[in-house]
Amino acid sequence: MWQNHHRRAPFGHKGLPRGGRFRGDRTRWSSTIVPSPAPPLGLLVEIISTHDRVIDSAKGDKPGRFEIVSAELVASYNWLDEKKPTIVVPGKPPLWTPPEPYQLQEDKGIYYRDRNAACYPDHPLEPAVVSVMKMQNMPRRVDVFACGSTLGNLLRFVRGDDKPFRMLVEAVGKTVHLIRRENSPRERIPDVRGYGHTFPEAYTTWEPDVRRSLSHQRIVKYKFGGLDVMVRFEGDGYIKPNEPSTPRARVGFGNVDLFTQFEGLSAGQASAADDSEKFINALEVRDAGSKTPQETIFDLKTRSIKRRDEDTLGEQLPRLWVSQTPNLILAYHERGIFREVQIKNVTEEVQDWQEQNQSSLGRFFSLLRHIIDTALSYRNEGLEIVRLTGGNLEIRKQASDAGDMLSDAVRQKWVDWLEDGVKRERRATAGTSYASPSGEVSVKLDKSEKGDYTS
């Protein structure tokens, strides 16, 4: 059931623009920002239409069933407002702290379409990969590692949406990575007008341990149609549970503590102590924040009161399904005053949507499986998926300007981590214990830290 919710925020509350995806109402637009030119296209490999047989040949782990199971949070991090690219792990989303309704100013500022690419254009997937290795004591098998935008776009394609998109595809080890691609890493949303950014700045608060944060990113893992999937997405905020939050677990890998191993890491360079200008844009990783259970996370949408009769929840269900986000806050404004703010746990609605869209999800699975197989067959060449407005899906080789998802140093660590995950699964299937090359896995958790954070 929807709940109307208001509460006074702390005195003097201020927020920083979090950027990233646009989540507000499109009240008015200005076009003073000219979009960047589209990057060049690589050689064509394959064309897929919505009626292609590779989409219609769905065979999941259960005949006729395509569903997400065993969802869990595996990692998280915050981008900080620093001169050089800096994240804190595990970070923490902003806390829901609603004030009494008051007049908000319209959005005004610089908002990027892709926060990760804007903050770290050299290797935009690296923060997510580093946070996973830092927070997970045991390696995992991963078939596909994707940002929520890429999976959402593929799902929209099989459902007949004509929205254009581009994404980079790359196989690292036996894992295929999908990451969104804008015309420019720092592509801006053209002069947004509305309240999609000023509302969360006024109604949520970055707590002291994650002060100066710009956004909170989360990585969840689940099984879909037999595939092991990891998805990165932005968490808009969290609602504090009644019980105290679970403390961050410190975990060990053999005799090496992962938090120590990555402490102060500047990814892509030999040493974090090297402060030369050569590495001024290298990623800095700090330890701050605490694990935030997935069941407390919410997605946020603002709309004009004139659009109250629209099915906003229905529009958002596919995206909430991809990220397994359990809560939605829907806020309606009248000339910038939000007198109606609805909070709803949408777990049942997401499950119902899954049941009602089995045909589309089967086609989505088949497309995803085909992309994985194609990427693995082009293991030594990166691919790109391009979809023009209303057109077919094009799989192409990456052009020379595509860049690298990961730096060489982190790529090798990631390959080793993923390979250990495959070995661990094989040993578990065979009923034997798993040992990494560095020795037996050791897990150091207090009894209070053994929660599974299942979504």
Protein backbone atom coordinates (compact mmCIF):
# COMPACT_ATOMS: atom_id res chain seq x y z
CA MET A 1 0.00 0.00 0.00
CA TRP A 2 1.16 3.50 -0.80
CA GLN A 3 1.97 5.63 2.23
CA ASN A 4 2.07 9.41 2.38
CA HIS A 5 5.10 10.42 4.38
CA HIS A 6 6.49 13.73 5.65
CA ARG A 7 9.09 14.53 8.26
CA ARG A 8 11.13 17.58 9.11
CA ALA A 9 14.73 17.42 7.88
CA PRO A 10 17.71 18.43 10.02
CA PHE A 11 18.26 22.18 10.24
CA GLY A 12 20.55 23.53 7.57
CA HIS A 13 20.33 20.43 5.34
CA LYS A 14 22.02 20.84 2.01
CA GLY A 15 22.66 18.38 -0.80
CA LEU A 16 25.12 18.02 -3.66
CA PRO A 17 23.97 17.32 -7.22
CA ARG A 18 24.20 13.60 -7.66
CA GLY A 19 23.92 13.61 -11.43
CA GLY A 20 23.58 10.29 -13.22
CA ARG A 21 20.31 9.28 -14.78
CA PHE A 22 17.46 11.78 -14.97
CA ARG A 23 14.75 10.75 -12.54
CA GLY A 24 12.39 13.68 -12.44
CA ASP A 25 9.47 15.15 -14.30
CA ARG A 26 10.18 16.78 -17.63
CA THR A 27 8.44 20.03 -16.79
CA ARG A 28 10.39 22.17 -19.22
CA TRP A 29 13.45 21.78 -21.40
CA SER A 30 16.07 24.10 -22.80
CA SER A 31 18.44 23.14 -25.62
CA THR A 32 21.46 25.37 -25.04
CA ILE A 33 23.72 22.32 -24.58
CA VAL A 34 24.49 20.77 -27.95
CA PRO A 35 24.89 16.97 -27.82
CA SER A 36 28.32 15.60 -28.64
CA PRO A 37 28.78 13.92 -32.04
CA ALA A 38 28.24 10.16 -32.05
CA PRO A 39 31.43 8.04 -31.92
CA PRO A 40 32.39 6.22 -35.14
CA LEU A 41 31.02 2.74 -35.79
CA GLY A 42 33.14 -0.40 -36.12
CA LEU A 43 32.75 -3.18 -38.67
CA LEU A 44 29.36 -4.89 -38.73
CA VAL A 45 29.27 -8.43 -37.31
CA GLU A 46 25.55 -9.22 -37.16
CA ILE A 47 22.08 -7.68 -37.42
CA ILE A 48 19.29 -8.88 -35.12
CA SER A 49 15.64 -7.93 -35.59
CA THR A 50 12.86 -8.28 -33.05
CA HIS A 51 11.62 -11.26 -35.08
CA ASP A 52 14.99 -12.98 -35.34
CA ARG A 53 15.06 -16.69 -34.52
CA VAL A 54 17.92 -16.22 -32.02
CA ILE A 55 15.47 -14.31 -29.83
CA ASP A 56 12.66 -16.81 -30.12
CA SER A 57 14.67 -19.91 -29.16
CA ALA A 58 14.43 -19.45 -25.39
CA LYS A 59 15.55 -22.35 -23.20
CA GLY A 60 16.14 -21.47 -19.56
CA ASP A 61 17.06 -23.60 -16.58
CA LYS A 62 13.36 -24.41 -16.10
CA PRO A 63 11.15 -25.12 -19.13
CA GLY A 64 8.89 -22.14 -19.75
CA ARG A 65 10.09 -20.24 -16.67
CA PHE A 66 12.27 -17.13 -16.70
CA GLU A 67 12.68 -15.54 -13.32
CA ILE A 68 15.23 -13.89 -11.05
CA VAL A 69 16.20 -16.02 -8.05
CA SER A 70 18.80 -15.86 -5.27
CA ALA A 71 19.21 -12.07 -5.47
CA GLU A 72 21.77 -10.62 -3.06
CA LEU A 73 23.86 -7.50 -2.59
CA VAL A 74 27.55 -8.17 -3.31
CA ALA A 75 29.14 -4.71 -3.26
CA SER A 76 28.57 -0.95 -3.17
CA TYR A 77 30.50 2.30 -3.34
CA ASN A 78 30.06 6.09 -3.37
CA TRP A 79 31.60 8.61 -5.73
CA LEU A 80 33.11 11.53 -3.80
CA ASP A 81 33.34 15.17 -4.81
CA GLU A 82 37.14 15.27 -5.16
CA LYS A 83 39.61 16.66 -7.70
CA LYS A 84 40.77 13.16 -8.66
CA PRO A 85 38.48 10.12 -9.20
CA THR A 86 37.71 8.85 -5.69
CA ILE A 87 35.33 6.24 -4.34
CA VAL A 88 34.60 5.00 -0.82
CA VAL A 89 33.71 1.35 -0.23
CA PRO A 90 31.17 0.16 0.80
CA GLY A 91 29.78 3.70 0.92
CA LYS A 92 26.20 4.34 1.84
CA PRO A 93 23.14 5.75 0.04
CA PRO A 94 21.62 9.05 1.19
CA LEU A 95 19.16 8.73 4.07
CA TRP A 96 15.49 9.58 3.54
CA THR A 97 14.92 12.73 5.67
CA PRO A 98 11.77 14.42 4.36
CA PRO A 99 11.05 17.98 5.57
CA GLU A 100 7.69 19.71 5.80
CA PRO A 101 6.63 20.69 2.27
CA TYR A 102 8.17 23.92 1.02
CA GLN A 103 8.82 25.64 -2.30
CA LEU A 104 11.75 24.06 -4.15
CA GLN A 105 13.77 25.71 -6.86
CA GLU A 106 13.83 24.08 -10.27
CA ASP A 107 16.83 22.00 -11.28
CA LYS A 108 19.78 24.14 -12.25
CA GLY A 109 23.28 22.82 -12.74
CA ILE A 110 25.36 20.22 -14.55
CA TYR A 111 23.92 16.71 -14.61
CA TYR A 112 25.68 13.86 -16.38
CA ARG A 113 23.92 11.02 -18.15
CA ASP A 114 26.41 8.46 -16.80
CA ARG A 115 27.99 9.24 -13.42
CA ASN A 116 30.59 6.45 -13.64
CA ALA A 117 31.86 7.48 -17.07
CA ALA A 118 31.84 11.15 -16.10
CA CYS A 119 33.89 10.54 -12.95
CA TYR A 120 36.28 8.00 -14.44
CA PRO A 121 36.17 8.08 -18.26
CA ASP A 122 39.39 6.07 -18.67
CA HIS A 123 37.95 2.88 -17.12
CA PRO A 124 34.27 3.37 -16.16
CA LEU A 125 33.66 -0.23 -15.03
CA GLU A 126 36.67 -0.32 -12.73
CA PRO A 127 35.07 1.09 -9.53
CA ALA A 128 32.40 -1.62 -9.61
CA VAL A 129 34.92 -4.41 -10.16
CA VAL A 130 37.25 -3.14 -7.44
CA SER A 131 34.40 -2.84 -4.94
CA VAL A 132 33.29 -6.43 -5.65
CA MET A 133 36.79 -7.83 -5.08
CA LYS A 134 37.17 -5.69 -1.99
CA MET A 135 33.92 -6.74 -0.33
CA GLN A 136 33.66 -10.40 -1.33
CA ASN A 137 35.75 -12.87 0.63
CA MET A 138 34.97 -15.68 -1.80
CA PRO A 139 35.22 -15.39 -5.60
CA ARG A 140 32.05 -16.00 -7.58
CA ARG A 141 31.16 -17.39 -10.97
CA VAL A 142 29.80 -14.59 -13.17
CA ASP A 143 28.41 -15.13 -16.69
CA VAL A 144 27.53 -11.51 -17.36
CA PHE A 145 28.47 -8.29 -15.55
CA ALA A 146 26.34 -5.36 -16.67
CA CYS A 147 25.11 -1.94 -15.71
CA GLY A 148 21.35 -1.68 -15.25
CA SER A 149 21.06 0.61 -18.27
CA THR A 150 22.34 -2.03 -20.71
CA LEU A 151 20.02 -4.78 -19.48
CA GLY A 152 17.12 -2.34 -19.44
CA ASN A 153 17.78 -1.33 -23.05
CA LEU A 154 17.98 -4.94 -24.24
CA LEU A 155 14.73 -5.71 -22.43
CA ARG A 156 13.05 -2.69 -24.03
CA PHE A 157 14.25 -3.84 -27.45
CA VAL A 158 12.62 -7.28 -27.23
CA ARG A 159 9.43 -5.64 -25.91
CA GLY A 160 9.18 -3.37 -28.97
CA ASP A 161 10.39 -0.04 -27.58
CA ASP A 162 12.10 2.09 -30.24
CA LYS A 163 14.57 3.87 -27.93
CA PRO A 164 18.12 4.12 -29.38
CA PHE A 165 21.17 3.06 -27.37
CA ARG A 166 24.79 1.94 -27.57
CA MET A 167 26.77 -0.32 -25.29
CA LEU A 168 30.26 -1.79 -25.20
CA VAL A 169 30.66 -5.57 -24.90
CA GLU A 170 33.84 -7.29 -23.75
CA ALA A 171 34.77 -10.76 -22.55
CA VAL A 172 37.20 -10.91 -19.63
CA GLY A 173 37.99 -14.53 -18.91
CA LYS A 174 34.66 -16.34 -19.27
CA THR A 175 32.62 -13.33 -18.12
CA VAL A 176 30.97 -10.97 -20.61
CA HIS A 177 30.74 -7.31 -19.59
CA LEU A 178 28.12 -4.86 -20.85
CA ILE A 179 28.49 -1.14 -20.21
CA ARG A 180 26.51 1.80 -21.56
CA ARG A 181 28.10 4.18 -24.05
CA GLU A 182 27.10 7.80 -24.53
CA ASN A 183 28.43 10.06 -27.28
CA SER A 184 30.90 11.41 -24.74
CA PRO A 185 31.81 10.09 -21.25
CA ARG A 186 30.79 13.46 -19.83
CA GLU A 187 27.62 13.80 -21.89
CA ARG A 188 25.25 16.16 -20.06
CA ILE A 189 21.49 16.17 -19.78
CA PRO A 190 20.56 19.32 -21.74
CA ASP A 191 19.56 22.02 -19.21
CA VAL A 192 17.00 20.02 -17.29
CA ARG A 193 14.04 21.91 -15.88
CA GLY A 194 11.86 20.29 -13.24
CA TYR A 195 12.55 18.95 -9.76
CA GLY A 196 14.08 15.53 -10.37
CA HIS A 197 17.35 16.59 -8.74
CA THR A 198 16.44 19.34 -6.29
CA PHE A 199 13.83 17.08 -4.67
CA PRO A 200 16.28 14.32 -3.60
CA GLU A 201 18.77 17.00 -2.55
CA ALA A 202 16.13 18.44 -0.21
CA TYR A 203 14.53 15.19 0.97
CA THR A 204 17.61 13.02 1.53
CA THR A 205 20.84 13.54 3.51
CA TRP A 206 24.38 12.25 3.06
CA GLU A 207 25.36 11.08 6.54
CA PRO A 208 28.69 12.14 8.15
CA ASP A 209 30.62 8.98 7.20
CA VAL A 210 29.90 9.55 3.49
CA ARG A 211 29.84 13.35 3.40
CA ARG A 212 30.75 14.95 0.04
CA SER A 213 29.26 12.01 -1.88
CA LEU A 214 27.93 12.52 -5.39
CA SER A 215 26.15 9.20 -5.90
CA HIS A 216 25.76 5.71 -4.46
CA GLN A 217 26.34 2.71 -6.72
CA ARG A 218 25.29 -0.86 -5.91
CA ILE A 219 26.07 -4.27 -7.40
CA VAL A 220 23.59 -7.11 -6.95
CA LYS A 221 23.99 -10.72 -8.05
CA TYR A 222 21.26 -13.15 -9.04
CA LYS A 223 20.45 -16.08 -11.27
CA PHE A 224 18.32 -15.54 -14.34
CA GLY A 225 17.47 -18.46 -16.62
CA GLY A 226 20.52 -20.33 -15.29
CA LEU A 227 22.88 -17.39 -15.92
CA ASP A 228 24.87 -15.87 -13.05
CA VAL A 229 24.37 -12.13 -13.44
CA MET A 230 25.91 -9.14 -11.65
CA VAL A 231 24.23 -5.76 -12.14
CA ARG A 232 25.47 -2.30 -11.19
CA PHE A 233 22.89 0.44 -10.63
CA GLU A 234 22.48 3.72 -8.77
CA GLY A 235 20.69 3.64 -5.41
CA ASP A 236 18.62 6.78 -4.87
CA GLY A 237 18.50 6.39 -1.09
CA TYR A 238 17.51 4.24 1.85
CA ILE A 239 14.94 4.30 4.61
CA LYS A 240 16.48 3.56 7.99
CA PRO A 241 15.15 0.28 9.41
CA ASN A 242 13.91 0.01 12.97
CA GLU A 243 16.77 -2.21 14.06
CA PRO A 244 20.39 -0.98 14.07
CA SER A 245 22.25 -1.45 10.78
CA THR A 246 24.54 -4.42 10.41
CA PRO A 247 28.23 -3.48 10.80
CA ARG A 248 30.53 -3.92 7.81
CA ALA A 249 32.15 -7.33 7.75
CA ARG A 250 35.92 -7.55 7.46
CA VAL A 251 36.78 -10.59 5.41
CA GLY A 252 39.95 -12.43 4.56
CA PHE A 253 41.21 -14.27 1.47
CA GLY A 254 43.81 -16.76 2.68
CA ASN A 255 46.26 -14.70 4.71
CA VAL A 256 45.56 -11.52 2.75
CA ASP A 257 42.92 -9.13 4.04
CA LEU A 258 41.12 -7.67 1.02
CA PHE A 259 40.40 -4.37 2.73
CA THR A 260 44.13 -4.01 3.37
CA GLN A 261 44.99 -5.17 -0.12
CA PHE A 262 42.90 -2.44 -1.74
CA GLU A 263 43.34 0.25 0.92
CA GLY A 264 44.37 3.46 -0.79
CA LEU A 265 44.59 1.64 -4.13
CA SER A 266 45.04 3.83 -7.15
CA ALA A 267 43.85 1.45 -9.82
CA GLY A 268 45.93 1.32 -12.95
CA GLN A 269 49.21 2.32 -11.31
CA ALA A 270 51.98 0.42 -9.59
CA SER A 271 51.79 2.19 -6.25
CA ALA A 272 49.27 4.38 -4.47
CA ALA A 273 52.19 6.30 -2.99
CA ASP A 274 53.27 7.52 -6.43
CA ASP A 275 51.71 10.97 -6.54
CA SER A 276 53.22 12.10 -9.81
CA GLU A 277 51.18 13.90 -12.43
CA LYS A 278 51.31 10.75 -14.56
CA PHE A 279 48.68 9.17 -12.31
CA ILE A 280 46.60 12.24 -11.46
CA ASN A 281 43.51 10.62 -13.04
CA ALA A 282 43.98 7.18 -11.48
CA LEU A 283 41.19 5.86 -9.27
CA GLU A 284 41.59 6.31 -5.52
CA VAL A 285 39.76 3.87 -3.24
CA ARG A 286 39.02 4.63 0.41
CA ASP A 287 37.30 2.70 3.18
CA ALA A 288 34.15 4.41 4.49
CA GLY A 289 30.44 3.85 5.02
CA SER A 290 28.66 0.61 5.88
CA LYS A 291 26.68 -2.11 4.13
CA THR A 292 23.10 -1.06 3.54
CA PRO A 293 20.64 -3.97 3.17
CA GLN A 294 18.88 -4.11 -0.19
CA GLU A 295 15.43 -4.24 1.42
CA THR A 296 15.89 -0.63 2.65
CA ILE A 297 16.79 0.81 -0.79
CA PHE A 298 14.36 2.94 -2.74
CA ASP A 299 14.05 4.33 -6.24
CA LEU A 300 12.73 7.87 -6.53
CA LYS A 301 10.52 9.54 -9.13
CA THR A 302 9.01 13.03 -9.19
CA ARG A 303 6.01 14.04 -11.26
CA SER A 304 3.73 17.03 -11.69
CA ILE A 305 0.40 16.65 -9.91
CA LYS A 306 -1.16 16.96 -13.37
CA ARG A 307 0.28 13.53 -14.20
CA ARG A 308 -1.12 11.84 -11.12
CA ASP A 309 -3.43 9.57 -13.12
CA GLU A 310 -0.59 8.13 -15.19
CA ASP A 311 0.68 4.63 -14.39
CA THR A 312 4.16 5.68 -13.27
CA LEU A 313 4.65 2.51 -11.24
CA GLY A 314 3.84 0.35 -14.25
CA GLU A 315 6.39 2.26 -16.33
CA GLN A 316 9.12 1.66 -13.74
CA LEU A 317 8.54 -2.05 -13.06
CA PRO A 318 10.93 -3.41 -15.74
CA ARG A 319 13.78 -1.27 -14.37
CA LEU A 320 12.96 -2.19 -10.77
CA TRP A 321 12.96 -5.84 -11.83
CA VAL A 322 16.45 -5.55 -13.36
CA SER A 323 17.93 -3.94 -10.23
CA GLN A 324 15.73 -5.84 -7.76
CA THR A 325 14.95 -2.57 -5.97
CA PRO A 326 12.11 -3.24 -3.50
CA ASN A 327 10.80 0.28 -2.76
CA LEU A 328 9.53 3.18 -4.84
CA ILE A 329 8.98 6.76 -3.68
CA LEU A 330 6.70 8.71 -5.98
CA ALA A 331 6.48 12.44 -5.26
CA TYR A 332 3.95 14.80 -6.87
CA HIS A 333 4.46 18.56 -6.94
CA GLU A 334 2.32 21.57 -7.64
CA ARG A 335 4.60 24.37 -8.86
CA GLY A 336 7.52 23.00 -6.87
CA ILE A 337 5.69 22.20 -3.62
CA PHE A 338 5.53 18.45 -2.90
CA ARG A 339 2.45 17.93 -0.77
CA GLU A 340 1.94 14.31 -1.86
CA VAL A 341 4.82 11.88 -1.36
CA GLN A 342 3.97 8.19 -1.65
CA ILE A 343 6.17 5.35 -0.36
CA LYS A 344 5.47 1.80 -1.47
CA ASN A 345 7.12 -1.59 -1.20
CA VAL A 346 6.76 -2.87 -4.76
CA THR A 347 8.07 -6.41 -4.31
CA GLU A 348 4.72 -8.02 -5.12
CA GLU A 349 4.16 -5.76 -8.13
CA VAL A 350 7.60 -6.66 -9.50
CA GLN A 351 6.83 -10.37 -9.04
CA ASP A 352 3.46 -9.95 -10.76
CA TRP A 353 5.14 -8.14 -13.66
CA GLN A 354 7.58 -11.03 -13.99
CA GLU A 355 4.72 -13.54 -14.13
CA GLN A 356 2.84 -11.50 -16.74
CA ASN A 357 5.87 -11.00 -19.00
CA GLN A 358 7.27 -14.52 -19.32
CA SER A 359 7.21 -14.36 -23.12
CA SER A 360 9.24 -11.13 -23.21
CA LEU A 361 11.62 -12.41 -20.55
CA GLY A 362 12.21 -15.59 -22.56
CA ARG A 363 13.11 -13.48 -25.58
CA PHE A 364 15.29 -11.28 -23.38
CA PHE A 365 17.12 -14.35 -22.06
CA SER A 366 17.69 -15.69 -25.58
CA LEU A 367 19.11 -12.35 -26.72
CA LEU A 368 21.36 -12.13 -23.67
CA ARG A 369 22.57 -15.71 -24.17
CA HIS A 370 23.33 -14.98 -27.84
CA ILE A 371 25.28 -11.83 -26.95
CA ILE A 372 27.33 -13.80 -24.41
CA ASP A 373 28.12 -16.54 -26.93
CA THR A 374 29.06 -13.99 -29.60
CA ALA A 375 31.29 -12.02 -27.24
CA LEU A 376 33.10 -15.18 -26.14
CA SER A 377 33.72 -16.12 -29.77
CA TYR A 378 35.30 -12.66 -30.27
CA ARG A 379 37.28 -12.95 -27.03
CA ASN A 380 40.27 -11.00 -28.34
CA GLU A 381 38.17 -8.23 -29.90
CA GLY A 382 35.79 -5.92 -28.11
CA LEU A 383 32.29 -5.58 -29.53
CA GLU A 384 29.67 -2.85 -29.50
CA ILE A 385 25.90 -3.12 -29.68
CA VAL A 386 24.18 -0.28 -31.52
CA ARG A 387 20.48 0.34 -31.86
CA LEU A 388 19.26 3.38 -33.80
CA THR A 389 15.76 4.75 -33.23
CA GLY A 390 13.25 2.14 -34.34
CA GLY A 391 15.96 0.08 -36.05
CA ASN A 392 17.42 -3.39 -35.67
CA LEU A 393 20.09 -4.38 -33.19
CA GLU A 394 23.57 -4.22 -34.68
CA ILE A 395 26.54 -6.11 -33.23
CA ARG A 396 29.76 -4.46 -34.38
CA LYS A 397 33.45 -4.62 -33.64
CA GLN A 398 34.60 -1.80 -31.40
CA ALA A 399 36.18 1.16 -33.16
CA SER A 400 39.66 2.21 -32.05
CA ASP A 401 38.34 5.03 -29.82
CA ALA A 402 36.23 2.76 -27.57
CA GLY A 403 38.77 2.74 -24.73
CA ASP A 404 39.20 0.10 -22.02
CA MET A 405 36.66 -0.87 -19.38
CA LEU A 406 39.47 -1.83 -16.97
CA SER A 407 43.09 -0.90 -16.46
CA ASP A 408 45.66 -3.63 -17.05
CA ALA A 409 46.42 -4.05 -13.33
CA VAL A 410 42.79 -4.46 -12.25
CA ARG A 411 41.95 -6.57 -15.29
CA GLN A 412 44.48 -9.21 -14.26
CA LYS A 413 43.21 -9.24 -10.66
CA TRP A 414 39.66 -9.58 -11.98
CA VAL A 415 40.58 -12.45 -14.32
CA ASP A 416 42.19 -14.34 -11.43
CA TRP A 417 39.20 -13.64 -9.17
CA LEU A 418 36.71 -14.86 -11.78
CA GLU A 419 38.73 -17.99 -12.55
CA ASP A 420 38.87 -18.81 -8.84
CA GLY A 421 35.09 -18.42 -8.76
CA VAL A 422 34.65 -20.98 -11.55
CA LYS A 423 37.03 -23.41 -9.79
CA ARG A 424 35.19 -22.95 -6.50
CA GLU A 425 31.84 -23.74 -8.13
CA ARG A 426 33.22 -26.85 -9.80
CA ARG A 427 34.67 -28.10 -6.53
CA ALA A 428 31.42 -27.36 -4.71
CA THR A 429 29.49 -29.29 -7.36
CA ALA A 430 31.89 -32.20 -6.94
CA GLY A 431 31.37 -32.08 -3.16
CA THR A 432 34.93 -31.09 -2.26
CA SER A 433 36.30 -28.12 -0.37
CA TYR A 434 37.62 -25.14 -2.29
CA ALA A 435 41.10 -23.70 -1.93
CA SER A 436 42.39 -20.65 -3.76
CA PRO A 437 45.94 -20.57 -5.18
CA SER A 438 46.99 -18.54 -2.14
CA GLY A 439 45.60 -21.06 0.35
CA GLU A 440 42.33 -22.02 2.00
CA VAL A 441 39.63 -19.38 2.09
CA SER A 442 39.10 -18.02 5.57
CA VAL A 443 36.04 -16.02 6.57
CA LYS A 444 36.11 -13.92 9.70
CA LEU A 445 32.62 -12.84 10.69
CA ASP A 446 31.05 -12.12 14.02
CA LYS A 447 27.79 -13.92 14.69
CA SER A 448 25.97 -10.64 14.17
CA GLU A 449 27.54 -10.29 10.71
CA LYS A 450 26.25 -13.45 9.11
CA GLY A 451 23.20 -11.96 7.40
CA ASP A 452 22.86 -12.78 3.71
CA TYR A 453 21.44 -9.38 2.63
CA THR A 454 19.09 -11.16 0.28
CA SER A 455 16.85 -8.81 -1.71
